[in-house]
Amino acid sequence: MKDSSSYPSYKKVIPNLNFIKEYGIEKFVEQQKKRIKLLEMMIKNFDDGKSRSFFCKATALIDIAILEKSLNGAFQRIKKDKIKPNDIKMKAKILKEILNEIGFKQV
């Protein structure tokens, strides 16, 4: 199997298969459902029309606990900085900055 692909989610194929072998398909599906909920939250609260692909890649590639921490951090910063609820562009920028700070770069 080749080590790289132009499709970023390919990076998770082997780790996902290993997870399934170790913990079972039910636990894997449970994790994927959490990822879907996190993605839905990102799209609902942070999608500025240009960030959806970035958020899809992030939820596919980043550890769930880190995603949750990043989202919580974004919500806290929005509250602290008194960002208006309808300022989606600024909210998207904040979340993308937080995700990039943890080392996630758009591929």
C-alpha atoms as a PDB file:
ATOM      1  CA  MET A   1       0.000   0.000   0.000  1.00  0.00           C
ATOM      2  CA  LYS A   2       1.411   3.400  -0.863  1.00  0.00           C
ATOM      3  CA  ASP A   3       2.324   5.851   1.901  1.00  0.00           C
ATOM      4  CA  SER A   4       0.679   8.959   0.486  1.00  0.00           C
ATOM      5  CA  SER A   5      -2.320  10.071  -1.459  1.00  0.00           C
ATOM      6  CA  SER A   6      -3.724  13.304  -2.774  1.00  0.00           C
ATOM      7  CA  TYR A   7      -6.819  12.602  -0.668  1.00  0.00           C
ATOM      8  CA  PRO A   8      -5.974  13.674   2.912  1.00  0.00           C
ATOM      9  CA  SER A   9      -8.371  11.279   4.629  1.00  0.00           C
ATOM     10  CA  TYR A  10      -6.308   8.422   3.205  1.00  0.00           C
ATOM     11  CA  LYS A  11      -3.905   9.101   6.070  1.00  0.00           C
ATOM     12  CA  LYS A  12      -6.454   7.620   8.458  1.00  0.00           C
ATOM     13  CA  VAL A  13      -7.172   4.352   6.615  1.00  0.00           C
ATOM     14  CA  ILE A  14      -4.565   2.188   8.365  1.00  0.00           C
ATOM     15  CA  PRO A  15      -5.056   3.756  11.817  1.00  0.00           C
ATOM     16  CA  ASN A  16      -8.823   3.311  11.424  1.00  0.00           C
ATOM     17  CA  LEU A  17      -8.445  -0.342  10.456  1.00  0.00           C
ATOM     18  CA  ASN A  18      -6.126  -0.908  13.408  1.00  0.00           C
ATOM     19  CA  PHE A  19      -8.643   0.777  15.719  1.00  0.00           C
ATOM     20  CA  ILE A  20     -11.411  -1.488  14.409  1.00  0.00           C
ATOM     21  CA  LYS A  21      -9.231  -4.566  14.934  1.00  0.00           C
ATOM     22  CA  GLU A  22      -8.472  -3.548  18.502  1.00  0.00           C
ATOM     23  CA  TYR A  23     -11.792  -2.081  19.681  1.00  0.00           C
ATOM     24  CA  GLY A  24     -14.400  -3.345  17.216  1.00  0.00           C
ATOM     25  CA  ILE A  25     -16.605  -1.805  14.580  1.00  0.00           C
ATOM     26  CA  GLU A  26     -19.227  -0.603  17.084  1.00  0.00           C
ATOM     27  CA  LYS A  27     -16.706   1.603  18.908  1.00  0.00           C
ATOM     28  CA  PHE A  28     -15.442   2.918  15.571  1.00  0.00           C
ATOM     29  CA  VAL A  29     -18.972   3.797  14.419  1.00  0.00           C
ATOM     30  CA  GLU A  30     -19.563   5.534  17.757  1.00  0.00           C
ATOM     31  CA  GLN A  31     -16.467   7.674  17.148  1.00  0.00           C
ATOM     32  CA  GLN A  32     -17.551   8.490  13.610  1.00  0.00           C
ATOM     33  CA  LYS A  33     -20.941   9.641  14.901  1.00  0.00           C
ATOM     34  CA  LYS A  34     -19.129  12.014  17.279  1.00  0.00           C
ATOM     35  CA  ARG A  35     -17.114  13.347  14.334  1.00  0.00           C
ATOM     36  CA  ILE A  36     -20.316  13.923  12.360  1.00  0.00           C
ATOM     37  CA  LYS A  37     -21.839  15.868  15.265  1.00  0.00           C
ATOM     38  CA  LEU A  38     -18.697  17.994  15.582  1.00  0.00           C
ATOM     39  CA  LEU A  39     -18.706  18.694  11.852  1.00  0.00           C
ATOM     40  CA  GLU A  40     -22.386  19.627  11.964  1.00  0.00           C
ATOM     41  CA  MET A  41     -21.626  22.044  14.809  1.00  0.00           C
ATOM     42  CA  MET A  42     -18.757  23.588  12.846  1.00  0.00           C
ATOM     43  CA  ILE A  43     -20.896  24.040   9.752  1.00  0.00           C
ATOM     44  CA  LYS A  44     -23.833  25.431  11.711  1.00  0.00           C
ATOM     45  CA  ASN A  45     -21.772  27.946  13.698  1.00  0.00           C
ATOM     46  CA  PHE A  46     -18.635  28.669  11.670  1.00  0.00           C
ATOM     47  CA  ASP A  47     -19.240  28.048   7.943  1.00  0.00           C
ATOM     48  CA  ASP A  48     -18.533  31.275   6.087  1.00  0.00           C
ATOM     49  CA  GLY A  49     -19.079  29.700   2.688  1.00  0.00           C
ATOM     50  CA  LYS A  50     -15.368  29.020   2.201  1.00  0.00           C
ATOM     51  CA  SER A  51     -14.469  26.873   5.201  1.00  0.00           C
ATOM     52  CA  ARG A  52     -16.592  23.754   4.768  1.00  0.00           C
ATOM     53  CA  SER A  53     -13.847  21.731   3.062  1.00  0.00           C
ATOM     54  CA  PHE A  54     -11.354  22.763   5.750  1.00  0.00           C
ATOM     55  CA  PHE A  55     -13.753  21.685   8.503  1.00  0.00           C
ATOM     56  CA  CYS A  56     -14.483  18.362   6.758  1.00  0.00           C
ATOM     57  CA  LYS A  57     -10.771  17.573   6.566  1.00  0.00           C
ATOM     58  CA  ALA A  58     -10.209  18.663  10.157  1.00  0.00           C
ATOM     59  CA  THR A  59     -12.958  16.413  11.518  1.00  0.00           C
ATOM     60  CA  ALA A  60     -11.669  13.482   9.490  1.00  0.00           C
ATOM     61  CA  LEU A  61      -8.034  13.849  10.531  1.00  0.00           C
ATOM     62  CA  ILE A  62      -7.859  15.384  14.017  1.00  0.00           C
ATOM     63  CA  ASP A  63      -8.380  13.489  17.264  1.00  0.00           C
ATOM     64  CA  ILE A  64     -11.907  13.920  18.649  1.00  0.00           C
ATOM     65  CA  ALA A  65     -10.761  15.298  22.018  1.00  0.00           C
ATOM     66  CA  ILE A  66      -8.661  17.933  20.248  1.00  0.00           C
ATOM     67  CA  LEU A  67     -11.594  18.857  18.002  1.00  0.00           C
ATOM     68  CA  GLU A  68     -13.831  19.283  21.040  1.00  0.00           C
ATOM     69  CA  LYS A  69     -11.192  21.374  22.813  1.00  0.00           C
ATOM     70  CA  SER A  70     -10.739  23.522  19.690  1.00  0.00           C
ATOM     71  CA  LEU A  71     -14.468  24.143  19.365  1.00  0.00           C
ATOM     72  CA  ASN A  72     -14.765  25.026  23.042  1.00  0.00           C
ATOM     73  CA  GLY A  73     -11.817  27.386  22.682  1.00  0.00           C
ATOM     74  CA  ALA A  74     -13.447  29.049  19.680  1.00  0.00           C
ATOM     75  CA  PHE A  75     -16.727  29.531  21.538  1.00  0.00           C
ATOM     76  CA  GLN A  76     -14.864  30.990  24.535  1.00  0.00           C
ATOM     77  CA  ARG A  77     -12.857  33.380  22.371  1.00  0.00           C
ATOM     78  CA  ILE A  78     -15.991  34.512  20.523  1.00  0.00           C
ATOM     79  CA  LYS A  79     -17.643  35.260  23.855  1.00  0.00           C
ATOM     80  CA  LYS A  80     -14.543  36.963  25.279  1.00  0.00           C
ATOM     81  CA  ASP A  81     -14.018  39.094  22.167  1.00  0.00           C
ATOM     82  CA  LYS A  82     -17.764  39.863  22.004  1.00  0.00           C
ATOM     83  CA  ILE A  83     -18.053  38.689  18.394  1.00  0.00           C
ATOM     84  CA  LYS A  84     -21.588  39.187  17.097  1.00  0.00           C
ATOM     85  CA  PRO A  85     -23.516  35.942  16.537  1.00  0.00           C
ATOM     86  CA  ASN A  86     -24.066  36.767  12.862  1.00  0.00           C
ATOM     87  CA  ASP A  87     -20.376  37.584  12.174  1.00  0.00           C
ATOM     88  CA  ILE A  88     -19.747  34.182  10.601  1.00  0.00           C
ATOM     89  CA  LYS A  89     -16.616  35.345   8.789  1.00  0.00           C
ATOM     90  CA  MET A  90     -14.878  36.285  12.053  1.00  0.00           C
ATOM     91  CA  LYS A  91     -16.126  33.153  13.805  1.00  0.00           C
ATOM     92  CA  ALA A  92     -14.749  30.975  10.975  1.00  0.00           C
ATOM     93  CA  LYS A  93     -11.421  32.805  11.156  1.00  0.00           C
ATOM     94  CA  ILE A  94     -11.182  32.164  14.899  1.00  0.00           C
ATOM     95  CA  LEU A  95     -11.860  28.428  14.611  1.00  0.00           C
ATOM     96  CA  LYS A  96      -9.491  28.030  11.668  1.00  0.00           C
ATOM     97  CA  GLU A  97      -6.751  29.855  13.616  1.00  0.00           C
ATOM     98  CA  ILE A  98      -7.236  27.533  16.582  1.00  0.00           C
ATOM     99  CA  LEU A  99      -7.113  24.438  14.381  1.00  0.00           C
ATOM    100  CA  ASN A 100      -3.997  25.718  12.626  1.00  0.00           C
ATOM    101  CA  GLU A 101      -2.349  26.442  15.993  1.00  0.00           C
ATOM    102  CA  ILE A 102      -2.631  22.762  16.905  1.00  0.00           C
ATOM    103  CA  GLY A 103      -0.772  21.894  13.747  1.00  0.00           C
ATOM    104  CA  PHE A 104      -3.558  21.125  11.316  1.00  0.00           C
ATOM    105  CA  LYS A 105      -2.802  22.581   7.903  1.00  0.00           C
ATOM    106  CA  GLN A 106      -5.178  22.453   4.981  1.00  0.00           C
ATOM    107  CA  VAL A 107      -3.865  20.007   2.429  1.00  0.00           C
END
